[in-house]
PDB file of all heavy atoms in Angstrom:
ATOM      1  N   ALA A   1      89.667 149.294 102.683  1.00  0.00           N
ATOM      2  CA  ALA A   1      90.896 148.885 102.041  1.00  0.00           C
ATOM      3  C   ALA A   1      92.019 148.780 103.059  1.00  0.00           C
ATOM      4  O   ALA A   1      91.915 149.173 104.197  1.00  0.00           O
ATOM      5  CB  ALA A   1      91.237 149.916 100.950  1.00  0.00           C
ATOM      6  N   GLN A   2      93.135 148.224 102.582  1.00  0.00           N
ATOM      7  CA  GLN A   2      94.406 148.197 103.316  1.00  0.00           C
ATOM      8  C   GLN A   2      95.229 149.373 102.850  1.00  0.00           C
ATOM      9  O   GLN A   2      95.430 149.572 101.684  1.00  0.00           O
ATOM     10  CB  GLN A   2      95.234 146.843 103.033  1.00  0.00           C
ATOM     11  CG  GLN A   2      94.459 145.619 103.435  1.00  0.00           C
ATOM     12  CD  GLN A   2      94.434 145.430 104.915  1.00  0.00           C
ATOM     13  OE1 GLN A   2      95.359 145.752 105.672  1.00  0.00           O
ATOM     14  NE2 GLN A   2      93.245 145.010 105.416  1.00  0.00           N
ATOM     15  N   VAL A   3      95.763 150.159 103.827  1.00  0.00           N
ATOM     16  CA  VAL A   3      96.421 151.381 103.498  1.00  0.00           C
ATOM     17  C   VAL A   3      97.884 151.366 104.034  1.00  0.00           C
ATOM     18  O   VAL A   3      98.133 150.973 105.195  1.00  0.00           O
ATOM     19  CB  VAL A   3      95.657 152.612 104.111  1.00  0.00           C
ATOM     20  CG1 VAL A   3      96.368 153.883 103.824  1.00  0.00           C
ATOM     21  CG2 VAL A   3      94.256 152.616 103.533  1.00  0.00           C
ATOM     22  N   SER A   4      98.778 151.876 103.188  1.00  0.00           N
ATOM     23  CA  SER A   4     100.191 152.083 103.593  1.00  0.00           C
ATOM     24  C   SER A   4     100.503 153.541 103.345  1.00  0.00           C
ATOM     25  O   SER A   4     100.134 154.106 102.334  1.00  0.00           O
ATOM     26  CB  SER A   4     101.136 151.166 102.855  1.00  0.00           C
ATOM     27  OG  SER A   4     100.887 149.839 103.170  1.00  0.00           O
ATOM     28  N   LEU A   5     101.231 154.187 104.261  1.00  0.00           N
ATOM     29  CA  LEU A   5     101.625 155.668 104.115  1.00  0.00           C
ATOM     30  C   LEU A   5     103.090 155.698 104.524  1.00  0.00           C
ATOM     31  O   LEU A   5     103.453 155.437 105.647  1.00  0.00           O
ATOM     32  CB  LEU A   5     100.736 156.480 104.981  1.00  0.00           C
ATOM     33  CG  LEU A   5     101.047 157.986 104.950  1.00  0.00           C
ATOM     34  CD1 LEU A   5     100.981 158.584 103.552  1.00  0.00           C
ATOM     35  CD2 LEU A   5     100.110 158.747 105.907  1.00  0.00           C
ATOM     36  N   ARG A   6     103.887 156.198 103.534  1.00  0.00           N
ATOM     37  CA  ARG A   6     105.339 156.321 103.795  1.00  0.00           C
ATOM     38  C   ARG A   6     105.767 157.766 103.407  1.00  0.00           C
ATOM     39  O   ARG A   6     105.147 158.403 102.495  1.00  0.00           O
ATOM     40  CB  ARG A   6     106.102 155.348 102.924  1.00  0.00           C
ATOM     41  CG  ARG A   6     105.907 153.931 103.297  1.00  0.00           C
ATOM     42  CD  ARG A   6     106.723 153.039 102.469  1.00  0.00           C
ATOM     43  NE  ARG A   6     106.499 151.673 102.834  1.00  0.00           N
ATOM     44  CZ  ARG A   6     105.542 150.854 102.320  1.00  0.00           C
ATOM     45  NH1 ARG A   6     104.848 151.334 101.300  1.00  0.00           N
ATOM     46  NH2 ARG A   6     105.415 149.645 102.666  1.00  0.00           N
ATOM     47  N   ILE A   7     106.734 158.289 104.078  1.00  0.00           N
ATOM     48  CA  ILE A   7     107.367 159.558 103.749  1.00  0.00           C
ATOM     49  C   ILE A   7     108.780 159.272 103.221  1.00  0.00           C
ATOM     50  O   ILE A   7     109.503 158.507 103.813  1.00  0.00           O
ATOM     51  CB  ILE A   7     107.456 160.451 105.046  1.00  0.00           C
ATOM     52  CG1 ILE A   7     106.102 160.551 105.660  1.00  0.00           C
ATOM     53  CG2 ILE A   7     108.022 161.849 104.641  1.00  0.00           C
ATOM     54  CD1 ILE A   7     105.009 161.243 104.890  1.00  0.00           C
ATOM     55  N   TRP A   8     109.130 159.982 102.087  1.00  0.00           N
ATOM     56  CA  TRP A   8     110.433 159.843 101.405  1.00  0.00           C
ATOM     57  C   TRP A   8     111.111 161.215 101.327  1.00  0.00           C
ATOM     58  O   TRP A   8     110.453 162.205 101.248  1.00  0.00           O
ATOM     59  CB  TRP A   8     110.180 159.285 100.022  1.00  0.00           C
ATOM     60  CG  TRP A   8     109.537 157.944  99.917  1.00  0.00           C
ATOM     61  CD1 TRP A   8     108.176 157.714  99.936  1.00  0.00           C
ATOM     62  CD2 TRP A   8     110.188 156.723  99.827  1.00  0.00           C
ATOM     63  NE1 TRP A   8     107.963 156.342  99.891  1.00  0.00           N
ATOM     64  CE2 TRP A   8     109.225 155.709  99.807  1.00  0.00           C
ATOM     65  CE3 TRP A   8     111.513 156.286  99.853  1.00  0.00           C
ATOM     66  CZ2 TRP A   8     109.459 154.335  99.744  1.00  0.00           C
ATOM     67  CZ3 TRP A   8     111.840 154.979  99.756  1.00  0.00           C
ATOM     68  CH2 TRP A   8     110.813 154.002  99.710  1.00  0.00           C
ATOM     69  N   SER A   9     112.428 161.137 101.349  1.00  0.00           N
ATOM     70  CA  SER A   9     113.184 162.319 101.173  1.00  0.00           C
ATOM     71  C   SER A   9     113.156 162.707  99.691  1.00  0.00           C
ATOM     72  O   SER A   9     112.814 161.864  98.789  1.00  0.00           O
ATOM     73  CB  SER A   9     114.649 162.136 101.632  1.00  0.00           C
ATOM     74  OG  SER A   9     115.341 161.396 100.623  1.00  0.00           O
ATOM     75  N   PRO A  10     113.610 163.907  99.347  1.00  0.00           N
ATOM     76  CA  PRO A  10     113.618 164.324  97.891  1.00  0.00           C
ATOM     77  C   PRO A  10     114.586 163.472  97.125  1.00  0.00           C
ATOM     78  O   PRO A  10     114.495 163.378  95.874  1.00  0.00           O
ATOM     79  CB  PRO A  10     114.055 165.774  97.955  1.00  0.00           C
ATOM     80  CG  PRO A  10     113.927 166.173  99.349  1.00  0.00           C
ATOM     81  CD  PRO A  10     113.915 164.972 100.198  1.00  0.00           C
ATOM     82  N   ARG A  11     115.522 162.870  97.732  1.00  0.00           N
ATOM     83  CA  ARG A  11     116.508 161.936  97.110  1.00  0.00           C
ATOM     84  C   ARG A  11     116.085 160.534  96.974  1.00  0.00           C
ATOM     85  O   ARG A  11     116.844 159.657  96.557  1.00  0.00           O
ATOM     86  CB  ARG A  11     117.850 162.079  97.838  1.00  0.00           C
ATOM     87  CG  ARG A  11     118.516 163.447  97.813  1.00  0.00           C
ATOM     88  CD  ARG A  11     119.518 163.718  98.837  1.00  0.00           C
ATOM     89  NE  ARG A  11     119.075 163.683 100.206  1.00  0.00           N
ATOM     90  CZ  ARG A  11     118.323 164.667 100.789  1.00  0.00           C
ATOM     91  NH1 ARG A  11     117.966 165.660 100.076  1.00  0.00           N
ATOM     92  NH2 ARG A  11     117.979 164.526 102.037  1.00  0.00           N
ATOM     93  N   GLY A  12     114.832 160.273  97.402  1.00  0.00           N
ATOM     94  CA  GLY A  12     114.296 158.955  97.288  1.00  0.00           C
ATOM     95  C   GLY A  12     114.647 158.008  98.458  1.00  0.00           C
ATOM     96  O   GLY A  12     114.435 156.776  98.351  1.00  0.00           O
ATOM     97  N   GLU A  13     115.155 158.572  99.546  1.00  0.00           N
ATOM     98  CA  GLU A  13     115.503 157.745 100.668  1.00  0.00           C
ATOM     99  C   GLU A  13     114.273 157.673 101.654  1.00  0.00           C
ATOM    100  O   GLU A  13     113.570 158.641 101.878  1.00  0.00           O
ATOM    101  CB  GLU A  13     116.674 158.362 101.462  1.00  0.00           C
ATOM    102  CG  GLU A  13     117.915 158.454 100.607  1.00  0.00           C
ATOM    103  CD  GLU A  13     118.869 159.525 101.155  1.00  0.00           C
ATOM    104  OE1 GLU A  13     118.455 160.449 101.898  1.00  0.00           O
ATOM    105  OE2 GLU A  13     120.062 159.395 100.785  1.00  0.00           O
ATOM    106  N   PRO A  14     113.997 156.463 102.217  1.00  0.00           N
ATOM    107  CA  PRO A  14     112.882 156.376 103.109  1.00  0.00           C
ATOM    108  C   PRO A  14     113.152 157.191 104.393  1.00  0.00           C
ATOM    109  O   PRO A  14     114.207 157.170 104.946  1.00  0.00           O
ATOM    110  CB  PRO A  14     112.805 154.877 103.373  1.00  0.00           C
ATOM    111  CG  PRO A  14     114.105 154.329 103.127  1.00  0.00           C
ATOM    112  CD  PRO A  14     114.735 155.231 102.029  1.00  0.00           C
ATOM    113  N   VAL A  15     112.126 157.931 104.852  1.00  0.00           N
ATOM    114  CA  VAL A  15     112.204 158.744 106.078  1.00  0.00           C
ATOM    115  C   VAL A  15     111.483 157.987 107.218  1.00  0.00           C
ATOM    116  O   VAL A  15     112.051 157.776 108.275  1.00  0.00           O
ATOM    117  CB  VAL A  15     111.657 160.115 105.923  1.00  0.00           C
ATOM    118  CG1 VAL A  15     111.622 160.933 107.167  1.00  0.00           C
ATOM    119  CG2 VAL A  15     112.422 160.895 104.840  1.00  0.00           C
ATOM    120  N   VAL A  16     110.226 157.686 106.988  1.00  0.00           N
ATOM    121  CA  VAL A  16     109.429 156.982 108.015  1.00  0.00           C
ATOM    122  C   VAL A  16     108.230 156.313 107.377  1.00  0.00           C
ATOM    123  O   VAL A  16     107.732 156.767 106.338  1.00  0.00           O
ATOM    124  CB  VAL A  16     108.973 157.964 109.160  1.00  0.00           C
ATOM    125  CG1 VAL A  16     107.967 158.997 108.596  1.00  0.00           C
ATOM    126  CG2 VAL A  16     108.406 157.257 110.313  1.00  0.00           C
ATOM    127  N   THR A  17     107.816 155.189 107.935  1.00  0.00           N
ATOM    128  CA  THR A  17     106.603 154.540 107.558  1.00  0.00           C
ATOM    129  C   THR A  17     105.555 154.774 108.633  1.00  0.00           C
ATOM    130  O   THR A  17     105.728 154.394 109.783  1.00  0.00           O
ATOM    131  CB  THR A  17     106.824 153.001 107.350  1.00  0.00           C
ATOM    132  OG1 THR A  17     107.757 152.791 106.309  1.00  0.00           O
ATOM    133  CG2 THR A  17     105.505 152.300 106.996  1.00  0.00           C
ATOM    134  N   LEU A  18     104.486 155.419 108.207  1.00  0.00           N
ATOM    135  CA  LEU A  18     103.443 155.745 109.218  1.00  0.00           C
ATOM    136  C   LEU A  18     102.373 154.700 109.313  1.00  0.00           C
ATOM    137  O   LEU A  18     101.846 154.439 110.438  1.00  0.00           O
ATOM    138  CB  LEU A  18     102.776 157.087 108.843  1.00  0.00           C
ATOM    139  CG  LEU A  18     103.675 158.336 108.785  1.00  0.00           C
ATOM    140  CD1 LEU A  18     102.997 159.529 108.221  1.00  0.00           C
ATOM    141  CD2 LEU A  18     104.306 158.607 110.134  1.00  0.00           C
ATOM    142  N   LEU A  19     102.021 154.075 108.192  1.00  0.00           N
ATOM    143  CA  LEU A  19     101.103 152.971 108.160  1.00  0.00           C
ATOM    144  C   LEU A  19     101.603 151.896 107.239  1.00  0.00           C
ATOM    145  O   LEU A  19     102.192 152.191 106.178  1.00  0.00           O
ATOM    146  CB  LEU A  19      99.730 153.427 107.603  1.00  0.00           C
ATOM    147  CG  LEU A  19      99.001 154.577 108.335  1.00  0.00           C
ATOM    148  CD1 LEU A  19      97.796 155.047 107.461  1.00  0.00           C
ATOM    149  CD2 LEU A  19      98.551 154.128 109.659  1.00  0.00           C
ATOM    150  N   GLU A  20     101.331 150.661 107.609  1.00  0.00           N
ATOM    151  CA  GLU A  20     101.826 149.532 106.813  1.00  0.00           C
ATOM    152  C   GLU A  20     100.659 148.476 106.750  1.00  0.00           C
ATOM    153  O   GLU A  20     100.398 147.767 107.779  1.00  0.00           O
ATOM    154  CB  GLU A  20     103.029 148.878 107.385  1.00  0.00           C
ATOM    155  CG  GLU A  20     103.658 147.737 106.518  1.00  0.00           C
ATOM    156  CD  GLU A  20     104.241 148.241 105.201  1.00  0.00           C
ATOM    157  OE1 GLU A  20     104.810 149.255 105.193  1.00  0.00           O
ATOM    158  OE2 GLU A  20     104.024 147.544 104.191  1.00  0.00           O
ATOM    159  N   ASN A  21      99.959 148.439 105.630  1.00  0.00           N
ATOM    160  CA  ASN A  21      98.845 147.596 105.405  1.00  0.00           C
ATOM    161  C   ASN A  21      97.795 147.602 106.556  1.00  0.00           C
ATOM    162  O   ASN A  21      97.402 146.533 107.098  1.00  0.00           O
ATOM    163  CB  ASN A  21      99.324 146.160 105.147  1.00  0.00           C
ATOM    164  CG  ASN A  21     100.129 146.070 103.857  1.00  0.00           C
ATOM    165  OD1 ASN A  21      99.824 146.682 102.914  1.00  0.00           O
ATOM    166  ND2 ASN A  21     101.208 145.339 103.907  1.00  0.00           N
ATOM    167  N   VAL A  22      97.400 148.791 106.903  1.00  0.00           N
ATOM    168  CA  VAL A  22      96.395 148.930 108.030  1.00  0.00           C
ATOM    169  C   VAL A  22      95.014 148.986 107.421  1.00  0.00           C
ATOM    170  O   VAL A  22      94.810 149.695 106.414  1.00  0.00           O
ATOM    171  CB  VAL A  22      96.690 150.225 108.825  1.00  0.00           C
ATOM    172  CG1 VAL A  22      95.662 150.489 109.831  1.00  0.00           C
ATOM    173  CG2 VAL A  22      98.042 150.182 109.389  1.00  0.00           C
ATOM    174  N   ALA A  23      94.110 148.244 107.988  1.00  0.00           N
ATOM    175  CA  ALA A  23      92.713 148.242 107.522  1.00  0.00           C
ATOM    176  C   ALA A  23      92.044 149.600 107.856  1.00  0.00           C
ATOM    177  O   ALA A  23      92.155 150.065 108.927  1.00  0.00           O
ATOM    178  CB  ALA A  23      91.913 147.115 108.144  1.00  0.00           C
ATOM    179  N   ARG A  24      91.411 150.160 106.800  1.00  0.00           N
ATOM    180  CA  ARG A  24      90.671 151.411 107.011  1.00  0.00           C
ATOM    181  C   ARG A  24      89.265 151.196 106.447  1.00  0.00           C
ATOM    182  O   ARG A  24      89.094 150.601 105.403  1.00  0.00           O
ATOM    183  CB  ARG A  24      91.358 152.565 106.251  1.00  0.00           C
ATOM    184  CG  ARG A  24      92.613 153.043 106.894  1.00  0.00           C
ATOM    185  CD  ARG A  24      92.276 153.719 108.269  1.00  0.00           C
ATOM    186  NE  ARG A  24      93.422 154.373 108.849  1.00  0.00           N
ATOM    187  CZ  ARG A  24      93.980 153.974 109.926  1.00  0.00           C
ATOM    188  NH1 ARG A  24      93.528 152.869 110.569  1.00  0.00           N
ATOM    189  NH2 ARG A  24      95.025 154.501 110.466  1.00  0.00           N
ATOM    190  N   PRO A  25      88.215 151.686 107.147  1.00  0.00           N
ATOM    191  CA  PRO A  25      86.892 151.549 106.685  1.00  0.00           C
ATOM    192  C   PRO A  25      86.596 152.518 105.466  1.00  0.00           C
ATOM    193  O   PRO A  25      87.396 153.381 105.230  1.00  0.00           O
ATOM    194  CB  PRO A  25      86.016 151.960 107.866  1.00  0.00           C
ATOM    195  CG  PRO A  25      86.949 152.919 108.633  1.00  0.00           C
ATOM    196  CD  PRO A  25      88.335 152.425 108.447  1.00  0.00           C
ATOM    197  N   ALA A  26      85.474 152.261 104.850  1.00  0.00           N
ATOM    198  CA  ALA A  26      85.083 153.155 103.690  1.00  0.00           C
ATOM    199  C   ALA A  26      84.849 154.528 104.259  1.00  0.00           C
ATOM    200  O   ALA A  26      84.477 154.781 105.428  1.00  0.00           O
ATOM    201  CB  ALA A  26      83.790 152.609 103.145  1.00  0.00           C
ATOM    202  N   GLY A  27      85.065 155.545 103.426  1.00  0.00           N
ATOM    203  CA  GLY A  27      84.856 156.931 103.810  1.00  0.00           C
ATOM    204  C   GLY A  27      86.120 157.689 103.952  1.00  0.00           C
ATOM    205  O   GLY A  27      87.208 157.199 103.744  1.00  0.00           O
ATOM    206  N   LEU A  28      85.991 158.966 104.318  1.00  0.00           N
ATOM    207  CA  LEU A  28      87.099 159.852 104.471  1.00  0.00           C
ATOM    208  C   LEU A  28      87.796 159.555 105.843  1.00  0.00           C
ATOM    209  O   LEU A  28      87.172 159.611 106.885  1.00  0.00           O
ATOM    210  CB  LEU A  28      86.659 161.324 104.479  1.00  0.00           C
ATOM    211  CG  LEU A  28      87.707 162.368 104.507  1.00  0.00           C
ATOM    212  CD1 LEU A  28      88.638 162.269 103.302  1.00  0.00           C
ATOM    213  CD2 LEU A  28      87.043 163.735 104.498  1.00  0.00           C
ATOM    214  N   ASN A  29      89.076 159.336 105.816  1.00  0.00           N
ATOM    215  CA  ASN A  29      89.891 159.136 107.038  1.00  0.00           C
ATOM    216  C   ASN A  29      91.037 160.093 107.113  1.00  0.00           C
ATOM    217  O   ASN A  29      91.926 160.044 106.274  1.00  0.00           O
ATOM    218  CB  ASN A  29      90.499 157.658 107.008  1.00  0.00           C
ATOM    219  CG  ASN A  29      89.409 156.569 107.068  1.00  0.00           C
ATOM    220  OD1 ASN A  29      88.870 156.273 108.165  1.00  0.00           O
ATOM    221  ND2 ASN A  29      88.999 156.040 105.969  1.00  0.00           N
ATOM    222  N   GLN A  30      91.022 160.952 108.092  1.00  0.00           N
ATOM    223  CA  GLN A  30      91.989 161.949 108.205  1.00  0.00           C
ATOM    224  C   GLN A  30      92.595 161.968 109.644  1.00  0.00           C
ATOM    225  O   GLN A  30      93.020 163.012 110.174  1.00  0.00           O
ATOM    226  CB  GLN A  30      91.452 163.365 107.916  1.00  0.00           C
ATOM    227  CG  GLN A  30      90.994 163.478 106.412  1.00  0.00           C
ATOM    228  CD  GLN A  30      90.520 164.882 106.119  1.00  0.00           C
ATOM    229  OE1 GLN A  30      90.189 165.690 107.006  1.00  0.00           O
ATOM    230  NE2 GLN A  30      90.478 165.189 104.861  1.00  0.00           N
ATOM    231  N   THR A  31      92.698 160.836 110.279  1.00  0.00           N
ATOM    232  CA  THR A  31      93.219 160.758 111.609  1.00  0.00           C
ATOM    233  C   THR A  31      94.727 160.531 111.701  1.00  0.00           C
ATOM    234  O   THR A  31      95.286 160.847 112.752  1.00  0.00           O
ATOM    235  CB  THR A  31      92.522 159.636 112.370  1.00  0.00           C
ATOM    236  OG1 THR A  31      92.720 158.405 111.691  1.00  0.00           O
ATOM    237  CG2 THR A  31      91.000 159.869 112.522  1.00  0.00           C
TER     238      THR A  31
END
């Protein structure tokens, strides 16, 4: 799948985007 991972503040403000539509293979990914 394509994966996006973002961190938000408790007030709903964006803090950082770690991944943006990055291809990840099937299985557990914890890198």
